[in-house]
Amino acid sequence: EKYNKPGNVFVGVPHRLDRPVSGVVVFAKTSKALVRLNEMF
């Protein structure tokens, strides 16, 4: 909605928090960033 993007939007998940836990979560907007973040974690 923010960027008026057609089709599917990519959001990659390199790490997770348990449901009852709050706080900072990092997501990847590109596959390049996701692959590199996965390796960094």
PDB file of all heavy atoms in Angstrom:
ATOM      1  N   GLU A   1       0.824  -1.208   0.000  1.00  0.00           N
ATOM      2  CA  GLU A   1       0.000   0.000   0.000  1.00  0.00           C
ATOM      3  C   GLU A   1       0.856   1.255   0.000  1.00  0.00           C
ATOM      4  O   GLU A   1       0.576   2.212  -0.744  1.00  0.00           O
ATOM      5  CB  GLU A   1      -0.919  -0.012   1.224  1.00  0.00           C
ATOM      6  CG  GLU A   1      -1.835   1.196   1.302  1.00  0.00           C
ATOM      7  CD  GLU A   1      -2.803   1.104   2.459  1.00  0.00           C
ATOM      8  OE1 GLU A   1      -3.137  -0.017   2.872  1.00  0.00           O
ATOM      9  OE2 GLU A   1      -3.220   2.173   2.959  1.00  0.00           O
ATOM     10  N   LYS A   2       1.915   1.269   0.808  1.00  0.00           N
ATOM     11  CA  LYS A   2       2.746   2.470   0.919  1.00  0.00           C
ATOM     12  C   LYS A   2       3.383   2.836  -0.416  1.00  0.00           C
ATOM     13  O   LYS A   2       3.440   4.018  -0.793  1.00  0.00           O
ATOM     14  CB  LYS A   2       3.837   2.252   1.965  1.00  0.00           C
ATOM     15  CG  LYS A   2       4.771   3.444   2.126  1.00  0.00           C
ATOM     16  CD  LYS A   2       5.845   3.196   3.177  1.00  0.00           C
ATOM     17  CE  LYS A   2       6.755   4.416   3.305  1.00  0.00           C
ATOM     18  NZ  LYS A   2       7.830   4.210   4.302  1.00  0.00           N
ATOM     19  N   TYR A   3       3.880   1.820  -1.127  1.00  0.00           N
ATOM     20  CA  TYR A   3       4.610   2.086  -2.377  1.00  0.00           C
ATOM     21  C   TYR A   3       3.788   1.771  -3.623  1.00  0.00           C
ATOM     22  O   TYR A   3       4.322   1.798  -4.733  1.00  0.00           O
ATOM     23  CB  TYR A   3       5.913   1.282  -2.381  1.00  0.00           C
ATOM     24  CG  TYR A   3       6.862   1.696  -1.276  1.00  0.00           C
ATOM     25  CD1 TYR A   3       7.053   0.890  -0.149  1.00  0.00           C
ATOM     26  CD2 TYR A   3       7.540   2.909  -1.339  1.00  0.00           C
ATOM     27  CE1 TYR A   3       7.909   1.263   0.864  1.00  0.00           C
ATOM     28  CE2 TYR A   3       8.402   3.302  -0.328  1.00  0.00           C
ATOM     29  CZ  TYR A   3       8.583   2.477   0.777  1.00  0.00           C
ATOM     30  OH  TYR A   3       9.430   2.862   1.795  1.00  0.00           O
ATOM     31  N   ASN A   4       2.509   1.455  -3.406  1.00  0.00           N
ATOM     32  CA  ASN A   4       1.612   1.150  -4.522  1.00  0.00           C
ATOM     33  C   ASN A   4       2.229   0.099  -5.456  1.00  0.00           C
ATOM     34  O   ASN A   4       2.274   0.266  -6.675  1.00  0.00           O
ATOM     35  CB  ASN A   4       1.291   2.443  -5.307  1.00  0.00           C
ATOM     36  CG  ASN A   4       0.116   2.257  -6.244  1.00  0.00           C
ATOM     37  OD1 ASN A   4      -0.745   1.398  -6.012  1.00  0.00           O
ATOM     38  ND2 ASN A   4       0.074   3.038  -7.305  1.00  0.00           N
ATOM     39  N   LYS A   5       2.683  -0.988  -4.870  1.00  0.00           N
ATOM     40  CA  LYS A   5       3.382  -2.033  -5.623  1.00  0.00           C
ATOM     41  C   LYS A   5       2.384  -3.011  -6.248  1.00  0.00           C
ATOM     42  O   LYS A   5       1.481  -3.509  -5.576  1.00  0.00           O
ATOM     43  CB  LYS A   5       4.338  -2.813  -4.707  1.00  0.00           C
ATOM     44  CG  LYS A   5       5.589  -2.049  -4.307  1.00  0.00           C
ATOM     45  CD  LYS A   5       6.455  -2.906  -3.401  1.00  0.00           C
ATOM     46  CE  LYS A   5       7.797  -2.254  -3.152  1.00  0.00           C
ATOM     47  NZ  LYS A   5       8.686  -2.343  -4.299  1.00  0.00           N
ATOM     48  N   PRO A   6       2.566  -3.328  -7.521  1.00  0.00           N
ATOM     49  CA  PRO A   6       1.732  -4.366  -8.138  1.00  0.00           C
ATOM     50  C   PRO A   6       2.284  -5.755  -7.800  1.00  0.00           C
ATOM     51  O   PRO A   6       3.465  -5.923  -7.515  1.00  0.00           O
ATOM     52  CB  PRO A   6       1.886  -4.073  -9.630  1.00  0.00           C
ATOM     53  CG  PRO A   6       3.256  -3.474  -9.754  1.00  0.00           C
ATOM     54  CD  PRO A   6       3.480  -2.691  -8.477  1.00  0.00           C
ATOM     55  N   GLY A   7       1.427  -6.748  -7.808  1.00  0.00           N
ATOM     56  CA  GLY A   7       1.899  -8.119  -7.603  1.00  0.00           C
ATOM     57  C   GLY A   7       2.338  -8.376  -6.174  1.00  0.00           C
ATOM     58  O   GLY A   7       1.984  -7.655  -5.240  1.00  0.00           O
ATOM     59  N   ASN A   8       3.125  -9.447  -6.010  1.00  0.00           N
ATOM     60  CA  ASN A   8       3.577  -9.859  -4.685  1.00  0.00           C
ATOM     61  C   ASN A   8       4.709  -8.968  -4.173  1.00  0.00           C
ATOM     62  O   ASN A   8       5.526  -8.480  -4.954  1.00  0.00           O
ATOM     63  CB  ASN A   8       4.056 -11.310  -4.714  1.00  0.00           C
ATOM     64  CG  ASN A   8       2.918 -12.281  -5.005  1.00  0.00           C
ATOM     65  OD1 ASN A   8       1.779 -12.032  -4.620  1.00  0.00           O
ATOM     66  ND2 ASN A   8       3.218 -13.372  -5.702  1.00  0.00           N
ATOM     67  N   VAL A   9       4.757  -8.798  -2.870  1.00  0.00           N
ATOM     68  CA  VAL A   9       5.809  -8.027  -2.208  1.00  0.00           C
ATOM     69  C   VAL A   9       6.690  -9.003  -1.432  1.00  0.00           C
ATOM     70  O   VAL A   9       6.188  -9.879  -0.725  1.00  0.00           O
ATOM     71  CB  VAL A   9       5.210  -6.976  -1.250  1.00  0.00           C
ATOM     72  CG1 VAL A   9       6.314  -6.272  -0.464  1.00  0.00           C
ATOM     73  CG2 VAL A   9       4.373  -5.969  -2.030  1.00  0.00           C
ATOM     74  N   PHE A  10       8.002  -8.838  -1.551  1.00  0.00           N
ATOM     75  CA  PHE A  10       8.939  -9.740  -0.872  1.00  0.00           C
ATOM     76  C   PHE A  10       9.241  -9.233   0.533  1.00  0.00           C
ATOM     77  O   PHE A  10       9.620  -8.079   0.722  1.00  0.00           O
ATOM     78  CB  PHE A  10      10.249  -9.841  -1.665  1.00  0.00           C
ATOM     79  CG  PHE A  10      11.257 -10.778  -1.042  1.00  0.00           C
ATOM     80  CD1 PHE A  10      11.244 -12.131  -1.334  1.00  0.00           C
ATOM     81  CD2 PHE A  10      12.206 -10.309  -0.143  1.00  0.00           C
ATOM     82  CE1 PHE A  10      12.158 -13.002  -0.756  1.00  0.00           C
ATOM     83  CE2 PHE A  10      13.129 -11.162   0.438  1.00  0.00           C
ATOM     84  CZ  PHE A  10      13.104 -12.517   0.136  1.00  0.00           C
ATOM     85  N   VAL A  11       9.062 -10.109   1.524  1.00  0.00           N
ATOM     86  CA  VAL A  11       9.504  -9.852   2.895  1.00  0.00           C
ATOM     87  C   VAL A  11      10.130 -11.144   3.415  1.00  0.00           C
ATOM     88  O   VAL A  11       9.440 -12.157   3.570  1.00  0.00           O
ATOM     89  CB  VAL A  11       8.347  -9.421   3.818  1.00  0.00           C
ATOM     90  CG1 VAL A  11       8.827  -9.349   5.275  1.00  0.00           C
ATOM     91  CG2 VAL A  11       7.787  -8.059   3.398  1.00  0.00           C
ATOM     92  N   GLY A  12      11.434 -11.120   3.651  1.00  0.00           N
ATOM     93  CA  GLY A  12      12.148 -12.288   4.147  1.00  0.00           C
ATOM     94  C   GLY A  12      12.341 -12.233   5.647  1.00  0.00           C
ATOM     95  O   GLY A  12      12.453 -11.151   6.235  1.00  0.00           O
ATOM     96  N   VAL A  13      12.380 -13.403   6.284  1.00  0.00           N
ATOM     97  CA  VAL A  13      12.466 -13.499   7.743  1.00  0.00           C
ATOM     98  C   VAL A  13      13.786 -14.180   8.131  1.00  0.00           C
ATOM     99  O   VAL A  13      13.876 -15.406   8.141  1.00  0.00           O
ATOM    100  CB  VAL A  13      11.277 -14.300   8.316  1.00  0.00           C
ATOM    101  CG1 VAL A  13      11.340 -14.331   9.836  1.00  0.00           C
ATOM    102  CG2 VAL A  13       9.950 -13.718   7.841  1.00  0.00           C
ATOM    103  N   PRO A  14      14.823 -13.398   8.473  1.00  0.00           N
ATOM    104  CA  PRO A  14      16.111 -14.003   8.848  1.00  0.00           C
ATOM    105  C   PRO A  14      16.194 -14.450  10.300  1.00  0.00           C
ATOM    106  O   PRO A  14      17.085 -15.211  10.665  1.00  0.00           O
ATOM    107  CB  PRO A  14      17.110 -12.873   8.575  1.00  0.00           C
ATOM    108  CG  PRO A  14      16.320 -11.625   8.795  1.00  0.00           C
ATOM    109  CD  PRO A  14      14.918 -11.934   8.340  1.00  0.00           C
ATOM    110  N   HIS A  15      15.294 -13.978  11.161  1.00  0.00           N
ATOM    111  CA  HIS A  15      15.279 -14.422  12.563  1.00  0.00           C
ATOM    112  C   HIS A  15      13.894 -14.210  13.141  1.00  0.00           C
ATOM    113  O   HIS A  15      13.036 -13.578  12.531  1.00  0.00           O
ATOM    114  CB  HIS A  15      16.328 -13.676  13.411  1.00  0.00           C
ATOM    115  CG  HIS A  15      15.938 -12.285  13.787  1.00  0.00           C
ATOM    116  ND1 HIS A  15      15.832 -11.848  15.085  1.00  0.00           N
ATOM    117  CD2 HIS A  15      15.617 -11.219  13.016  1.00  0.00           C
ATOM    118  CE1 HIS A  15      15.480 -10.583  15.108  1.00  0.00           C
ATOM    119  NE2 HIS A  15      15.342 -10.171  13.876  1.00  0.00           N
ATOM    120  N   ARG A  16      13.637 -14.781  14.307  1.00  0.00           N
ATOM    121  CA  ARG A  16      12.304 -14.729  14.897  1.00  0.00           C
ATOM    122  C   ARG A  16      12.372 -14.410  16.382  1.00  0.00           C
ATOM    123  O   ARG A  16      13.407 -14.606  17.011  1.00  0.00           O
ATOM    124  CB  ARG A  16      11.592 -16.078  14.711  1.00  0.00           C
ATOM    125  CG  ARG A  16      11.327 -16.435  13.247  1.00  0.00           C
ATOM    126  CD  ARG A  16      11.077 -17.919  13.075  1.00  0.00           C
ATOM    127  NE  ARG A  16      10.927 -18.290  11.683  1.00  0.00           N
ATOM    128  CZ  ARG A  16      11.940 -18.465  10.837  1.00  0.00           C
ATOM    129  NH1 ARG A  16      13.182 -18.305  11.256  1.00  0.00           N
ATOM    130  NH2 ARG A  16      11.721 -18.792   9.573  1.00  0.00           N
ATOM    131  N   LEU A  17      11.247 -13.952  16.892  1.00  0.00           N
ATOM    132  CA  LEU A  17      11.042 -13.827  18.332  1.00  0.00           C
ATOM    133  C   LEU A  17       9.837 -14.678  18.700  1.00  0.00           C
ATOM    134  O   LEU A  17       8.879 -14.776  17.921  1.00  0.00           O
ATOM    135  CB  LEU A  17      10.761 -12.374  18.740  1.00  0.00           C
ATOM    136  CG  LEU A  17      11.883 -11.344  18.620  1.00  0.00           C
ATOM    137  CD1 LEU A  17      11.370  -9.983  19.095  1.00  0.00           C
ATOM    138  CD2 LEU A  17      13.103 -11.746  19.406  1.00  0.00           C
ATOM    139  N   ASP A  18       9.866 -15.287  19.889  1.00  0.00           N
ATOM    140  CA  ASP A  18       8.702 -16.015  20.365  1.00  0.00           C
ATOM    141  C   ASP A  18       7.503 -15.084  20.424  1.00  0.00           C
ATOM    142  O   ASP A  18       7.638 -13.876  20.673  1.00  0.00           O
ATOM    143  CB  ASP A  18       8.952 -16.586  21.763  1.00  0.00           C
ATOM    144  CG  ASP A  18      10.070 -17.608  21.790  1.00  0.00           C
ATOM    145  OD1 ASP A  18      10.403 -18.153  20.717  1.00  0.00           O
ATOM    146  OD2 ASP A  18      10.609 -17.858  22.883  1.00  0.00           O
ATOM    147  N   ARG A  19       6.321 -15.639  20.240  1.00  0.00           N
ATOM    148  CA  ARG A  19       5.111 -14.817  20.215  1.00  0.00           C
ATOM    149  C   ARG A  19       4.950 -13.933  21.444  1.00  0.00           C
ATOM    150  O   ARG A  19       4.614 -12.748  21.319  1.00  0.00           O
ATOM    151  CB  ARG A  19       3.876 -15.705  20.037  1.00  0.00           C
ATOM    152  CG  ARG A  19       2.591 -14.891  19.896  1.00  0.00           C
ATOM    153  CD  ARG A  19       1.425 -15.739  19.442  1.00  0.00           C
ATOM    154  NE  ARG A  19       0.323 -14.891  18.994  1.00  0.00           N
ATOM    155  CZ  ARG A  19      -0.679 -15.301  18.221  1.00  0.00           C
ATOM    156  NH1 ARG A  19      -0.716 -16.558  17.817  1.00  0.00           N
ATOM    157  NH2 ARG A  19      -1.627 -14.477  17.846  1.00  0.00           N
ATOM    158  N   PRO A  20       5.148 -14.422  22.675  1.00  0.00           N
ATOM    159  CA  PRO A  20       4.917 -13.564  23.846  1.00  0.00           C
ATOM    160  C   PRO A  20       6.027 -12.557  24.124  1.00  0.00           C
ATOM    161  O   PRO A  20       5.958 -11.810  25.096  1.00  0.00           O
ATOM    162  CB  PRO A  20       4.798 -14.569  24.996  1.00  0.00           C
ATOM    163  CG  PRO A  20       5.603 -15.745  24.563  1.00  0.00           C
ATOM    164  CD  PRO A  20       5.437 -15.816  23.080  1.00  0.00           C
ATOM    165  N   VAL A  21       7.067 -12.535  23.268  1.00  0.00           N
ATOM    166  CA  VAL A  21       8.207 -11.635  23.449  1.00  0.00           C
ATOM    167  C   VAL A  21       8.013 -10.400  22.578  1.00  0.00           C
ATOM    168  O   VAL A  21       7.546 -10.492  21.442  1.00  0.00           O
ATOM    169  CB  VAL A  21       9.524 -12.347  23.079  1.00  0.00           C
ATOM    170  CG1 VAL A  21      10.717 -11.398  23.218  1.00  0.00           C
ATOM    171  CG2 VAL A  21       9.710 -13.591  23.933  1.00  0.00           C
ATOM    172  N   SER A  22       8.376  -9.237  23.089  1.00  0.00           N
ATOM    173  CA  SER A  22       8.291  -7.996  22.316  1.00  0.00           C
ATOM    174  C   SER A  22       9.683  -7.571  21.858  1.00  0.00           C
ATOM    175  O   SER A  22      10.690  -8.121  22.282  1.00  0.00           O
ATOM    176  CB  SER A  22       7.662  -6.892  23.172  1.00  0.00           C
ATOM    177  OG  SER A  22       8.464  -6.645  24.328  1.00  0.00           O
ATOM    178  N   GLY A  23       9.701  -6.561  20.972  1.00  0.00           N
ATOM    179  CA  GLY A  23      10.980  -5.957  20.633  1.00  0.00           C
ATOM    180  C   GLY A  23      11.362  -5.997  19.167  1.00  0.00           C
ATOM    181  O   GLY A  23      10.545  -6.276  18.289  1.00  0.00           O
ATOM    182  N   VAL A  24      12.629  -5.718  18.927  1.00  0.00           N
ATOM    183  CA  VAL A  24      13.135  -5.458  17.585  1.00  0.00           C
ATOM    184  C   VAL A  24      13.239  -6.740  16.763  1.00  0.00           C
ATOM    185  O   VAL A  24      13.775  -7.745  17.215  1.00  0.00           O
ATOM    186  CB  VAL A  24      14.491  -4.722  17.661  1.00  0.00           C
ATOM    187  CG1 VAL A  24      15.537  -5.544  18.383  1.00  0.00           C
ATOM    188  CG2 VAL A  24      14.981  -4.321  16.290  1.00  0.00           C
ATOM    189  N   VAL A  25      12.683  -6.672  15.544  1.00  0.00           N
ATOM    190  CA  VAL A  25      12.756  -7.774  14.580  1.00  0.00           C
ATOM    191  C   VAL A  25      13.215  -7.206  13.239  1.00  0.00           C
ATOM    192  O   VAL A  25      12.684  -6.196  12.767  1.00  0.00           O
ATOM    193  CB  VAL A  25      11.410  -8.482  14.388  1.00  0.00           C
ATOM    194  CG1 VAL A  25      11.571  -9.685  13.462  1.00  0.00           C
ATOM    195  CG2 VAL A  25      10.827  -8.928  15.721  1.00  0.00           C
ATOM    196  N   VAL A  26      14.193  -7.868  12.637  1.00  0.00           N
ATOM    197  CA  VAL A  26      14.751  -7.435  11.354  1.00  0.00           C
ATOM    198  C   VAL A  26      14.136  -8.271  10.230  1.00  0.00           C
ATOM    199  O   VAL A  26      14.110  -9.504  10.296  1.00  0.00           O
ATOM    200  CB  VAL A  26      16.280  -7.604  11.336  1.00  0.00           C
ATOM    201  CG1 VAL A  26      16.859  -7.147   9.989  1.00  0.00           C
ATOM    202  CG2 VAL A  26      16.920  -6.844  12.490  1.00  0.00           C
ATOM    203  N   PHE A  27      13.644  -7.594   9.194  1.00  0.00           N
ATOM    204  CA  PHE A  27      13.128  -8.262   8.003  1.00  0.00           C
ATOM    205  C   PHE A  27      13.927  -7.797   6.790  1.00  0.00           C
ATOM    206  O   PHE A  27      14.466  -6.686   6.777  1.00  0.00           O
ATOM    207  CB  PHE A  27      11.654  -7.918   7.775  1.00  0.00           C
ATOM    208  CG  PHE A  27      10.723  -8.444   8.826  1.00  0.00           C
ATOM    209  CD1 PHE A  27      10.387  -7.659   9.926  1.00  0.00           C
ATOM    210  CD2 PHE A  27      10.167  -9.707   8.722  1.00  0.00           C
ATOM    211  CE1 PHE A  27       9.514  -8.133  10.895  1.00  0.00           C
ATOM    212  CE2 PHE A  27       9.296 -10.196   9.685  1.00  0.00           C
ATOM    213  CZ  PHE A  27       8.977  -9.405  10.776  1.00  0.00           C
ATOM    214  N   ALA A  28      13.982  -8.652   5.769  1.00  0.00           N
ATOM    215  CA  ALA A  28      14.662  -8.318   4.514  1.00  0.00           C
ATOM    216  C   ALA A  28      13.629  -7.953   3.452  1.00  0.00           C
ATOM    217  O   ALA A  28      12.600  -8.632   3.322  1.00  0.00           O
ATOM    218  CB  ALA A  28      15.510  -9.493   4.043  1.00  0.00           C
ATOM    219  N   LYS A  29      13.911  -6.911   2.698  1.00  0.00           N
ATOM    220  CA  LYS A  29      13.015  -6.508   1.616  1.00  0.00           C
ATOM    221  C   LYS A  29      13.486  -7.017   0.260  1.00  0.00           C
ATOM    222  O   LYS A  29      12.766  -6.881  -0.736  1.00  0.00           O
ATOM    223  CB  LYS A  29      12.899  -4.975   1.578  1.00  0.00           C
ATOM    224  CG  LYS A  29      12.142  -4.401   2.763  1.00  0.00           C
ATOM    225  CD  LYS A  29      12.211  -2.876   2.806  1.00  0.00           C
ATOM    226  CE  LYS A  29      11.582  -2.225   1.599  1.00  0.00           C
ATOM    227  NZ  LYS A  29      11.632  -0.738   1.695  1.00  0.00           N
ATOM    228  N   THR A  30      14.703  -7.579   0.217  1.00  0.00           N
ATOM    229  CA  THR A  30      15.228  -8.156  -1.019  1.00  0.00           C
ATOM    230  C   THR A  30      15.828  -9.523  -0.726  1.00  0.00           C
ATOM    231  O   THR A  30      16.262  -9.800   0.392  1.00  0.00           O
ATOM    232  CB  THR A  30      16.323  -7.263  -1.632  1.00  0.00           C
ATOM    233  OG1 THR A  30      17.441  -7.189  -0.734  1.00  0.00           O
ATOM    234  CG2 THR A  30      15.807  -5.852  -1.913  1.00  0.00           C
ATOM    235  N   SER A  31      15.861 -10.364  -1.755  1.00  0.00           N
ATOM    236  CA  SER A  31      16.435 -11.706  -1.574  1.00  0.00           C
ATOM    237  C   SER A  31      17.932 -11.621  -1.300  1.00  0.00           C
ATOM    238  O   SER A  31      18.473 -12.430  -0.544  1.00  0.00           O
ATOM    239  CB  SER A  31      16.167 -12.563  -2.814  1.00  0.00           C
ATOM    240  OG  SER A  31      16.675 -11.941  -3.985  1.00  0.00           O
ATOM    241  N   LYS A  32      18.611 -10.638  -1.891  1.00  0.00           N
ATOM    242  CA  LYS A  32      20.040 -10.458  -1.624  1.00  0.00           C
ATOM    243  C   LYS A  32      20.290 -10.197  -0.153  1.00  0.00           C
ATOM    244  O   LYS A  32      21.159 -10.811   0.476  1.00  0.00           O
ATOM    245  CB  LYS A  32      20.586  -9.277  -2.446  1.00  0.00           C
ATOM    246  CG  LYS A  32      22.061  -8.966  -2.152  1.00  0.00           C
ATOM    247  CD  LYS A  32      22.485  -7.609  -2.698  1.00  0.00           C
ATOM    248  CE  LYS A  32      22.547  -7.627  -4.218  1.00  0.00           C
ATOM    249  NZ  LYS A  32      23.132  -6.348  -4.738  1.00  0.00           N
ATOM    250  N   ALA A  33      19.510  -9.303   0.437  1.00  0.00           N
ATOM    251  CA  ALA A  33      19.669  -8.991   1.854  1.00  0.00           C
ATOM    252  C   ALA A  33      19.331 -10.198   2.719  1.00  0.00           C
ATOM    253  O   ALA A  33      20.003 -10.460   3.723  1.00  0.00           O
ATOM    254  CB  ALA A  33      18.787  -7.803   2.234  1.00  0.00           C
ATOM    255  N   LEU A  34      18.306 -10.957   2.336  1.00  0.00           N
ATOM    256  CA  LEU A  34      17.907 -12.116   3.135  1.00  0.00           C
ATOM    257  C   LEU A  34      19.009 -13.164   3.182  1.00  0.00           C
ATOM    258  O   LEU A  34      19.337 -13.677   4.259  1.00  0.00           O
ATOM    259  CB  LEU A  34      16.629 -12.738   2.569  1.00  0.00           C
ATOM    260  CG  LEU A  34      16.143 -13.995   3.293  1.00  0.00           C
ATOM    261  CD1 LEU A  34      15.825 -13.685   4.753  1.00  0.00           C
ATOM    262  CD2 LEU A  34      14.927 -14.590   2.589  1.00  0.00           C
ATOM    263  N   VAL A  35      19.592 -13.486   2.049  1.00  0.00           N
ATOM    264  CA  VAL A  35      20.665 -14.492   2.005  1.00  0.00           C
ATOM    265  C   VAL A  35      21.837 -14.060   2.884  1.00  0.00           C
ATOM    266  O   VAL A  35      22.371 -14.853   3.661  1.00  0.00           O
ATOM    267  CB  VAL A  35      21.131 -14.716   0.552  1.00  0.00           C
ATOM    268  CG1 VAL A  35      22.416 -15.547   0.517  1.00  0.00           C
ATOM    269  CG2 VAL A  35      20.049 -15.413  -0.253  1.00  0.00           C
ATOM    270  N   ARG A  36      22.206 -12.807   2.783  1.00  0.00           N
ATOM    271  CA  ARG A  36      23.348 -12.319   3.564  1.00  0.00           C
ATOM    272  C   ARG A  36      23.020 -12.240   5.050  1.00  0.00           C
ATOM    273  O   ARG A  36      23.857 -12.567   5.902  1.00  0.00           O
ATOM    274  CB  ARG A  36      23.791 -10.956   3.027  1.00  0.00           C
ATOM    275  CG  ARG A  36      24.351 -11.034   1.602  1.00  0.00           C
ATOM    276  CD  ARG A  36      24.796  -9.682   1.076  1.00  0.00           C
ATOM    277  NE  ARG A  36      25.280  -9.789  -0.303  1.00  0.00           N
ATOM    278  CZ  ARG A  36      25.727  -8.770  -1.027  1.00  0.00           C
ATOM    279  NH1 ARG A  36      25.757  -7.548  -0.497  1.00  0.00           N
ATOM    280  NH2 ARG A  36      26.145  -8.949  -2.258  1.00  0.00           N
ATOM    281  N   LEU A  37      21.807 -11.806   5.385  1.00  0.00           N
ATOM    282  CA  LEU A  37      21.418 -11.743   6.794  1.00  0.00           C
ATOM    283  C   LEU A  37      21.342 -13.140   7.418  1.00  0.00           C
ATOM    284  O   LEU A  37      21.757 -13.336   8.564  1.00  0.00           O
ATOM    285  CB  LEU A  37      20.065 -11.046   6.941  1.00  0.00           C
ATOM    286  CG  LEU A  37      20.073  -9.522   6.907  1.00  0.00           C
ATOM    287  CD1 LEU A  37      18.647  -8.993   6.814  1.00  0.00           C
ATOM    288  CD2 LEU A  37      20.779  -8.942   8.129  1.00  0.00           C
ATOM    289  N   ASN A  38      20.808 -14.094   6.668  1.00  0.00           N
ATOM    290  CA  ASN A  38      20.770 -15.467   7.170  1.00  0.00           C
ATOM    291  C   ASN A  38      22.159 -15.943   7.562  1.00  0.00           C
ATOM    292  O   ASN A  38      22.353 -16.561   8.617  1.00  0.00           O
ATOM    293  CB  ASN A  38      20.185 -16.407   6.114  1.00  0.00           C
ATOM    294  CG  ASN A  38      18.675 -16.324   6.018  1.00  0.00           C
ATOM    295  OD1 ASN A  38      18.014 -15.904   6.965  1.00  0.00           O
ATOM    296  ND2 ASN A  38      18.132 -16.721   4.884  1.00  0.00           N
ATOM    297  N   GLU A  39      23.132 -15.653   6.723  1.00  0.00           N
ATOM    298  CA  GLU A  39      24.507 -16.079   6.999  1.00  0.00           C
ATOM    299  C   GLU A  39      25.089 -15.300   8.179  1.00  0.00           C
ATOM    300  O   GLU A  39      25.805 -15.862   9.021  1.00  0.00           O
ATOM    301  CB  GLU A  39      25.369 -15.877   5.750  1.00  0.00           C
ATOM    302  CG  GLU A  39      26.784 -16.404   5.865  1.00  0.00           C
ATOM    303  CD  GLU A  39      26.870 -17.907   6.062  1.00  0.00           C
ATOM    304  OE1 GLU A  39      25.858 -18.606   5.833  1.00  0.00           O
ATOM    305  OE2 GLU A  39      27.950 -18.393   6.454  1.00  0.00           O
ATOM    306  N   MET A  40      24.770 -14.019   8.282  1.00  0.00           N
ATOM    307  CA  MET A  40      25.266 -13.207   9.397  1.00  0.00           C
ATOM    308  C   MET A  40      24.715 -13.693  10.731  1.00  0.00           C
ATOM    309  O   MET A  40      25.439 -13.785  11.720  1.00  0.00           O
ATOM    310  CB  MET A  40      24.902 -11.738   9.166  1.00  0.00           C
ATOM    311  CG  MET A  40      25.671 -11.084   8.021  1.00  0.00           C
ATOM    312  SD  MET A  40      24.989  -9.470   7.545  1.00  0.00           S
ATOM    313  CE  MET A  40      25.308  -8.519   9.038  1.00  0.00           C
ATOM    314  N   PHE A  41      23.425 -14.024  10.765  1.00  0.00           N
ATOM    315  CA  PHE A  41      22.842 -14.568  11.996  1.00  0.00           C
ATOM    316  C   PHE A  41      23.469 -15.913  12.322  1.00  0.00           C
ATOM    317  O   PHE A  41      23.763 -16.205  13.488  1.00  0.00           O
ATOM    318  CB  PHE A  41      21.323 -14.701  11.856  1.00  0.00           C
ATOM    319  CG  PHE A  41      20.564 -13.448  12.194  1.00  0.00           C
ATOM    320  CD1 PHE A  41      20.074 -12.619  11.193  1.00  0.00           C
ATOM    321  CD2 PHE A  41      20.325 -13.097  13.511  1.00  0.00           C
ATOM    322  CE1 PHE A  41      19.368 -11.465  11.495  1.00  0.00           C
ATOM    323  CE2 PHE A  41      19.626 -11.947  13.838  1.00  0.00           C
ATOM    324  CZ  PHE A  41      19.141 -11.123  12.827  1.00  0.00           C
TER     325      PHE A  41
END
